[in-house]
Protein backbone atom coordinates (compact mmCIF):
# COMPACT_ATOMS: atom_id res chain seq x y z
CA UNK A 1 -31.29 -29.72 -98.13
CA UNK A 2 -31.21 -28.93 -94.20
CA UNK A 3 -34.88 -28.19 -92.68
CA UNK A 4 -35.08 -25.90 -89.46
CA UNK A 5 -38.07 -24.32 -87.96
CA UNK A 6 -37.60 -21.75 -84.83
CA UNK A 7 -40.50 -21.75 -82.64
CA UNK A 8 -39.76 -19.07 -79.79
CA UNK A 9 -36.66 -20.60 -77.80
CA UNK A 10 -36.59 -23.83 -79.58
CA UNK A 11 -35.66 -24.98 -82.97
CA UNK A 12 -36.47 -28.30 -85.04
CA UNK A 13 -34.46 -29.47 -87.11
CA UNK A 14 -34.98 -32.62 -89.18
CA UNK A 15 -31.87 -35.23 -88.83
CA UNK A 16 -31.61 -36.89 -92.04
CA UNK A 17 -29.30 -39.75 -90.91
CA UNK A 18 -32.21 -40.83 -88.25
CA UNK A 19 -35.16 -39.80 -90.48
CA UNK A 20 -36.14 -37.56 -87.57
CA UNK A 21 -37.28 -34.47 -86.14
CA UNK A 22 -35.05 -33.10 -83.16
CA UNK A 23 -36.10 -30.68 -80.87
CA UNK A 24 -33.27 -28.19 -79.47
CA UNK A 25 -33.13 -25.33 -76.91
CA UNK A 26 -31.74 -22.26 -79.03
CA UNK A 27 -29.62 -21.11 -76.10
CA UNK A 28 -27.98 -24.29 -75.31
CA UNK A 29 -28.52 -26.99 -77.67
CA UNK A 30 -29.83 -29.35 -75.46
CA UNK A 31 -32.23 -31.96 -77.40
CA UNK A 32 -35.51 -32.10 -75.82
CA UNK A 33 -37.58 -34.15 -77.84
CA UNK A 34 -37.24 -36.59 -80.92
CA UNK A 35 -40.48 -37.13 -83.58
CA UNK A 36 -41.24 -38.24 -86.63
CA UNK A 37 -43.35 -35.73 -87.44
CA UNK A 38 -42.48 -31.40 -87.46
CA UNK A 39 -46.07 -30.92 -86.66
CA UNK A 40 -47.06 -31.86 -82.96
CA UNK A 41 -42.82 -30.78 -82.42
CA UNK A 42 -43.50 -27.51 -83.44
CA UNK A 43 -46.63 -27.21 -81.03
CA UNK A 44 -44.53 -28.62 -78.32
CA UNK A 45 -42.10 -25.83 -78.75
CA UNK A 46 -44.51 -23.11 -79.23
CA UNK A 47 -46.23 -24.34 -75.75
CA UNK A 48 -42.72 -24.71 -73.70
CA UNK A 49 -41.89 -21.27 -74.82
CA UNK A 50 -45.39 -20.00 -74.07
CA UNK A 51 -45.12 -21.16 -70.66
CA UNK A 52 -41.68 -19.99 -69.82
CA UNK A 53 -42.44 -16.97 -70.49
CA UNK A 54 -45.62 -17.13 -68.10
CA UNK A 55 -43.43 -18.04 -65.34
CA UNK A 56 -40.82 -15.38 -65.93
CA UNK A 57 -43.82 -13.02 -65.52
CA UNK A 58 -45.50 -14.61 -62.73
CA UNK A 59 -41.66 -14.98 -60.95
CA UNK A 60 -41.47 -11.02 -61.91
CA UNK A 61 -45.08 -10.66 -60.46
CA UNK A 62 -44.35 -12.01 -57.40
CA UNK A 63 -40.78 -9.96 -56.66
CA UNK A 64 -42.76 -7.10 -57.71
CA UNK A 65 -45.40 -8.39 -54.90
CA UNK A 66 -42.82 -8.80 -52.52
CA UNK A 67 -41.46 -5.50 -52.67
CA UNK A 68 -44.87 -3.51 -52.31
CA UNK A 69 -45.55 -5.64 -48.99
CA UNK A 70 -42.78 -4.42 -47.94
CA UNK A 71 -43.00 -0.73 -48.62
CA UNK A 72 -46.42 -1.39 -46.82
CA UNK A 73 -45.03 -2.68 -43.85
CA UNK A 74 -42.81 -0.11 -43.73
CA UNK A 75 -45.24 2.80 -44.37
CA UNK A 76 -47.79 1.32 -41.52
CA UNK A 77 -45.09 0.60 -39.30
CA UNK A 78 -44.24 4.80 -39.92
CA UNK A 79 -47.85 5.63 -39.75
CA UNK A 80 -48.62 3.55 -36.46
CA UNK A 81 -45.24 5.67 -35.02
CA UNK A 82 -46.89 8.63 -36.60
CA UNK A 83 -50.13 8.13 -34.79
CA UNK A 84 -48.43 7.07 -31.53
CA UNK A 85 -46.76 10.16 -31.33
CA UNK A 86 -49.85 12.32 -31.81
CA UNK A 87 -51.47 10.12 -28.50
CA UNK A 88 -48.71 10.60 -26.41
CA UNK A 89 -48.96 14.89 -27.07
CA UNK A 90 -52.81 14.48 -25.72
CA UNK A 91 -52.61 15.93 -22.36
CA UNK A 92 -54.58 13.75 -20.20
CA UNK A 93 -57.76 14.84 -18.67
CA UNK A 94 -58.77 15.24 -15.25
CA UNK A 95 -62.52 14.13 -15.37
CA UNK A 96 -63.29 15.33 -11.92
CA UNK A 97 -62.57 19.08 -13.34
CA UNK A 98 -64.98 18.39 -16.00
CA UNK A 99 -68.84 19.20 -15.77
CA UNK A 100 -71.29 16.94 -16.37
CA UNK A 101 -72.37 18.29 -20.38
CA UNK A 102 -68.59 17.45 -20.93
CA UNK A 103 -68.57 14.26 -19.36
CA UNK A 104 -72.18 13.63 -21.27
CA UNK A 105 -69.79 14.37 -24.52
CA UNK A 106 -67.08 12.04 -23.43
CA UNK A 107 -69.40 9.35 -22.35
CA UNK A 108 -70.97 9.71 -26.26
CA UNK A 109 -67.35 9.62 -27.46
CA UNK A 110 -66.81 6.15 -25.43
CA UNK A 111 -70.57 4.92 -26.67
CA UNK A 112 -71.64 4.25 -23.00
CA UNK A 113 -75.18 3.41 -22.68
CA UNK A 114 -77.76 4.82 -20.65
CA UNK A 115 -75.24 7.73 -20.10
CA UNK A 116 -78.38 10.77 -20.33
CA UNK A 117 -79.60 9.17 -17.28
CA UNK A 118 -76.74 9.27 -14.70
CA UNK A 119 -75.80 11.78 -12.59
CA UNK A 120 -72.27 13.36 -12.89
CA UNK A 121 -70.59 11.03 -10.31
CA UNK A 122 -71.81 7.86 -12.01
CA UNK A 123 -70.57 9.28 -15.22
CA UNK A 124 -67.15 9.93 -13.85
CA UNK A 125 -67.17 6.23 -12.65
CA UNK A 126 -68.61 4.98 -16.02
CA UNK A 127 -65.16 7.02 -17.72
CA UNK A 128 -63.05 5.84 -15.31
CA UNK A 129 -63.74 2.28 -15.30
CA UNK A 130 -62.90 2.68 -19.19
């Protein structure tokens, strides 16, 4: 009677000629280990199978991550191009034609400190300096 145990990607077979257990890879019949007891060989085969499955999952996840990063880069490029296009479409404002209140609003957007105490000409100079 031939004793054979299958553990995932490995087969544990008892060799009656040598009285040893032989652990072979199921798909390629490559001998990986030889031992005197079946228990430790089975545990080894299960562990190696789990390890190989985990490594395969890791490779698949890394490939998916690379695709996602590439898609994000493409999306960021398209978004920045769209934003740049919007900025180019905005007409250049002639600051000298604006009233003091409009200059104060622009200074508030640009976060200029002390804008409320500035005269119109000072606001104009501060905004042109940016």
